Amino acid sequence: MEYLIAMAPQGGQQGGGGMVGTLIMFAAIFAIFYFMIIRPQQKRQKEKEKMLNALKKGDKVMTSGGIHGVVAGMDEKTVLVEVAKDVKIKFERSAITTITDTKGK
């Protein structure tokens, strides 16, 4: 019993290592978040920007709503998509999720 009392920290000797350990833990959690969540999201966003900038008339596309069509015209912020013969719908560029074929019609 006396051995346990002797091992207990004295009143003036409280450990400062707890703060360092906590900071290391927070740094590790931040690093995990960065490499597992933030960095891949930034990469996907850059790839989507690149895809939207390469969009041209005649590309077959799919929108976020699942509508398939061919790009019939483009504006700075919008895309005119032909979904059937003489049926054209205007979408925001951000609504285009994938380019399915770049050959055109």
C-alpha atoms as a PDB file:
ATOM      1  CA  MET A   1       0.000   0.000   0.000  1.00  0.00           C
ATOM      2  CA  GLU A   2       2.822   2.386   0.851  1.00  0.00           C
ATOM      3  CA  TYR A   3       4.339   1.609  -2.554  1.00  0.00           C
ATOM      4  CA  LEU A   4       1.187   2.876  -4.326  1.00  0.00           C
ATOM      5  CA  ILE A   5       1.146   6.053  -2.274  1.00  0.00           C
ATOM      6  CA  ALA A   6       4.789   6.700  -3.148  1.00  0.00           C
ATOM      7  CA  MET A   7       3.999   6.240  -6.891  1.00  0.00           C
ATOM      8  CA  ALA A   8       1.120   8.747  -6.841  1.00  0.00           C
ATOM      9  CA  PRO A   9       1.965  12.210  -8.236  1.00  0.00           C
ATOM     10  CA  GLN A  10       2.664  14.810  -5.592  1.00  0.00           C
ATOM     11  CA  GLY A  11       0.667  18.037  -5.418  1.00  0.00           C
ATOM     12  CA  GLY A  12       3.309  20.189  -7.120  1.00  0.00           C
ATOM     13  CA  GLN A  13       4.313  17.600  -9.739  1.00  0.00           C
ATOM     14  CA  GLN A  14       1.336  17.394 -12.068  1.00  0.00           C
ATOM     15  CA  GLY A  15       2.295  16.098 -15.494  1.00  0.00           C
ATOM     16  CA  GLY A  16       2.496  18.498 -18.440  1.00  0.00           C
ATOM     17  CA  GLY A  17       2.758  15.539 -20.826  1.00  0.00           C
ATOM     18  CA  GLY A  18      -1.027  15.303 -20.992  1.00  0.00           C
ATOM     19  CA  MET A  19      -1.236  18.537 -22.965  1.00  0.00           C
ATOM     20  CA  VAL A  20       1.407  17.419 -25.460  1.00  0.00           C
ATOM     21  CA  GLY A  21      -0.334  14.084 -25.894  1.00  0.00           C
ATOM     22  CA  THR A  22      -3.631  15.833 -26.545  1.00  0.00           C
ATOM     23  CA  LEU A  23      -2.072  18.113 -29.160  1.00  0.00           C
ATOM     24  CA  ILE A  24      -0.474  15.139 -30.906  1.00  0.00           C
ATOM     25  CA  MET A  25      -3.844  13.367 -30.927  1.00  0.00           C
ATOM     26  CA  PHE A  26      -5.591  16.402 -32.462  1.00  0.00           C
ATOM     27  CA  ALA A  27      -2.850  16.688 -35.098  1.00  0.00           C
ATOM     28  CA  ALA A  28      -3.268  13.012 -35.970  1.00  0.00           C
ATOM     29  CA  ILE A  29      -7.046  13.384 -36.286  1.00  0.00           C
ATOM     30  CA  PHE A  30      -6.631  16.443 -38.514  1.00  0.00           C
ATOM     31  CA  ALA A  31      -4.141  14.583 -40.719  1.00  0.00           C
ATOM     32  CA  ILE A  32      -6.563  11.675 -41.092  1.00  0.00           C
ATOM     33  CA  PHE A  33      -9.404  14.044 -42.025  1.00  0.00           C
ATOM     34  CA  TYR A  34      -7.198  15.838 -44.533  1.00  0.00           C
ATOM     35  CA  PHE A  35      -5.947  12.740 -46.336  1.00  0.00           C
ATOM     36  CA  MET A  36      -9.198  10.761 -46.183  1.00  0.00           C
ATOM     37  CA  ILE A  37     -11.843  13.462 -46.742  1.00  0.00           C
ATOM     38  CA  ILE A  38     -10.626  16.929 -47.724  1.00  0.00           C
ATOM     39  CA  ARG A  39      -7.916  16.060 -50.257  1.00  0.00           C
ATOM     40  CA  PRO A  40      -9.997  13.529 -52.285  1.00  0.00           C
ATOM     41  CA  GLN A  41     -12.916  15.981 -52.390  1.00  0.00           C
ATOM     42  CA  GLN A  42     -10.667  18.730 -53.766  1.00  0.00           C
ATOM     43  CA  LYS A  43      -9.342  16.308 -56.388  1.00  0.00           C
ATOM     44  CA  ARG A  44     -12.884  15.354 -57.505  1.00  0.00           C
ATOM     45  CA  GLN A  45     -13.847  19.019 -57.714  1.00  0.00           C
ATOM     46  CA  LYS A  46     -10.824  19.822 -59.917  1.00  0.00           C
ATOM     47  CA  GLU A  47     -11.636  16.870 -62.197  1.00  0.00           C
ATOM     48  CA  LYS A  48     -15.241  18.060 -62.571  1.00  0.00           C
ATOM     49  CA  GLU A  49     -14.068  21.607 -63.416  1.00  0.00           C
ATOM     50  CA  LYS A  50     -11.712  20.188 -66.034  1.00  0.00           C
ATOM     51  CA  MET A  51     -14.544  18.076 -67.509  1.00  0.00           C
ATOM     52  CA  LEU A  52     -16.931  21.041 -67.661  1.00  0.00           C
ATOM     53  CA  ASN A  53     -14.296  23.231 -69.323  1.00  0.00           C
ATOM     54  CA  ALA A  54     -13.694  20.537 -71.970  1.00  0.00           C
ATOM     55  CA  LEU A  55     -17.419  20.285 -72.734  1.00  0.00           C
ATOM     56  CA  LYS A  56     -18.235  21.042 -76.374  1.00  0.00           C
ATOM     57  CA  LYS A  57     -21.135  20.917 -78.793  1.00  0.00           C
ATOM     58  CA  GLY A  58     -22.013  17.378 -79.844  1.00  0.00           C
ATOM     59  CA  ASP A  59     -20.904  15.667 -76.617  1.00  0.00           C
ATOM     60  CA  LYS A  60     -23.309  13.124 -75.146  1.00  0.00           C
ATOM     61  CA  VAL A  61     -23.875  14.006 -71.494  1.00  0.00           C
ATOM     62  CA  MET A  62     -25.807  12.929 -68.425  1.00  0.00           C
ATOM     63  CA  THR A  63     -27.209  15.430 -65.928  1.00  0.00           C
ATOM     64  CA  SER A  64     -27.473  15.106 -62.162  1.00  0.00           C
ATOM     65  CA  GLY A  65     -31.175  14.366 -62.648  1.00  0.00           C
ATOM     66  CA  GLY A  66     -30.366  11.363 -64.854  1.00  0.00           C
ATOM     67  CA  ILE A  67     -31.340  12.978 -68.156  1.00  0.00           C
ATOM     68  CA  HIS A  68     -29.255  11.850 -71.130  1.00  0.00           C
ATOM     69  CA  GLY A  69     -28.818  14.047 -74.176  1.00  0.00           C
ATOM     70  CA  VAL A  70     -26.497  15.729 -76.643  1.00  0.00           C
ATOM     71  CA  VAL A  71     -25.062  19.210 -76.136  1.00  0.00           C
ATOM     72  CA  ALA A  72     -26.742  21.442 -78.716  1.00  0.00           C
ATOM     73  CA  GLY A  73     -25.377  24.770 -77.503  1.00  0.00           C
ATOM     74  CA  MET A  74     -23.485  26.388 -74.692  1.00  0.00           C
ATOM     75  CA  ASP A  75     -23.392  29.629 -72.790  1.00  0.00           C
ATOM     76  CA  GLU A  76     -20.999  30.791 -70.107  1.00  0.00           C
ATOM     77  CA  LYS A  77     -23.167  29.345 -67.321  1.00  0.00           C
ATOM     78  CA  THR A  78     -25.737  27.185 -69.142  1.00  0.00           C
ATOM     79  CA  VAL A  79     -25.816  24.253 -71.547  1.00  0.00           C
ATOM     80  CA  LEU A  80     -28.569  23.508 -74.058  1.00  0.00           C
ATOM     81  CA  VAL A  81     -29.131  19.738 -74.151  1.00  0.00           C
ATOM     82  CA  GLU A  82     -31.139  18.032 -76.880  1.00  0.00           C
ATOM     83  CA  VAL A  83     -32.949  15.081 -75.287  1.00  0.00           C
ATOM     84  CA  ALA A  84     -35.059  14.092 -78.316  1.00  0.00           C
ATOM     85  CA  LYS A  85     -35.621  15.346 -81.842  1.00  0.00           C
ATOM     86  CA  ASP A  86     -36.524  19.047 -81.574  1.00  0.00           C
ATOM     87  CA  VAL A  87     -36.679  18.855 -77.759  1.00  0.00           C
ATOM     88  CA  LYS A  88     -34.031  20.976 -76.060  1.00  0.00           C
ATOM     89  CA  ILE A  89     -33.636  21.726 -72.364  1.00  0.00           C
ATOM     90  CA  LYS A  90     -31.408  24.380 -70.812  1.00  0.00           C
ATOM     91  CA  PHE A  91     -29.328  23.298 -67.788  1.00  0.00           C
ATOM     92  CA  GLU A  92     -26.763  24.939 -65.566  1.00  0.00           C
ATOM     93  CA  ARG A  93     -23.244  23.725 -66.385  1.00  0.00           C
ATOM     94  CA  SER A  94     -22.930  22.368 -62.855  1.00  0.00           C
ATOM     95  CA  ALA A  95     -25.860  19.993 -63.521  1.00  0.00           C
ATOM     96  CA  ILE A  96     -23.766  18.026 -66.025  1.00  0.00           C
ATOM     97  CA  THR A  97     -22.251  15.081 -64.147  1.00  0.00           C
ATOM     98  CA  THR A  98     -20.623  12.987 -66.874  1.00  0.00           C
ATOM     99  CA  ILE A  99     -19.700  13.083 -70.540  1.00  0.00           C
ATOM    100  CA  THR A 100     -20.733   9.668 -71.886  1.00  0.00           C
ATOM    101  CA  ASP A 101     -19.435  10.049 -75.445  1.00  0.00           C
ATOM    102  CA  THR A 102     -17.417  12.796 -77.167  1.00  0.00           C
ATOM    103  CA  LYS A 103     -18.076  11.634 -80.750  1.00  0.00           C
ATOM    104  CA  GLY A 104     -21.347  13.502 -81.062  1.00  0.00           C
ATOM    105  CA  LYS A 105     -24.457  12.299 -82.885  1.00  0.00           C
END
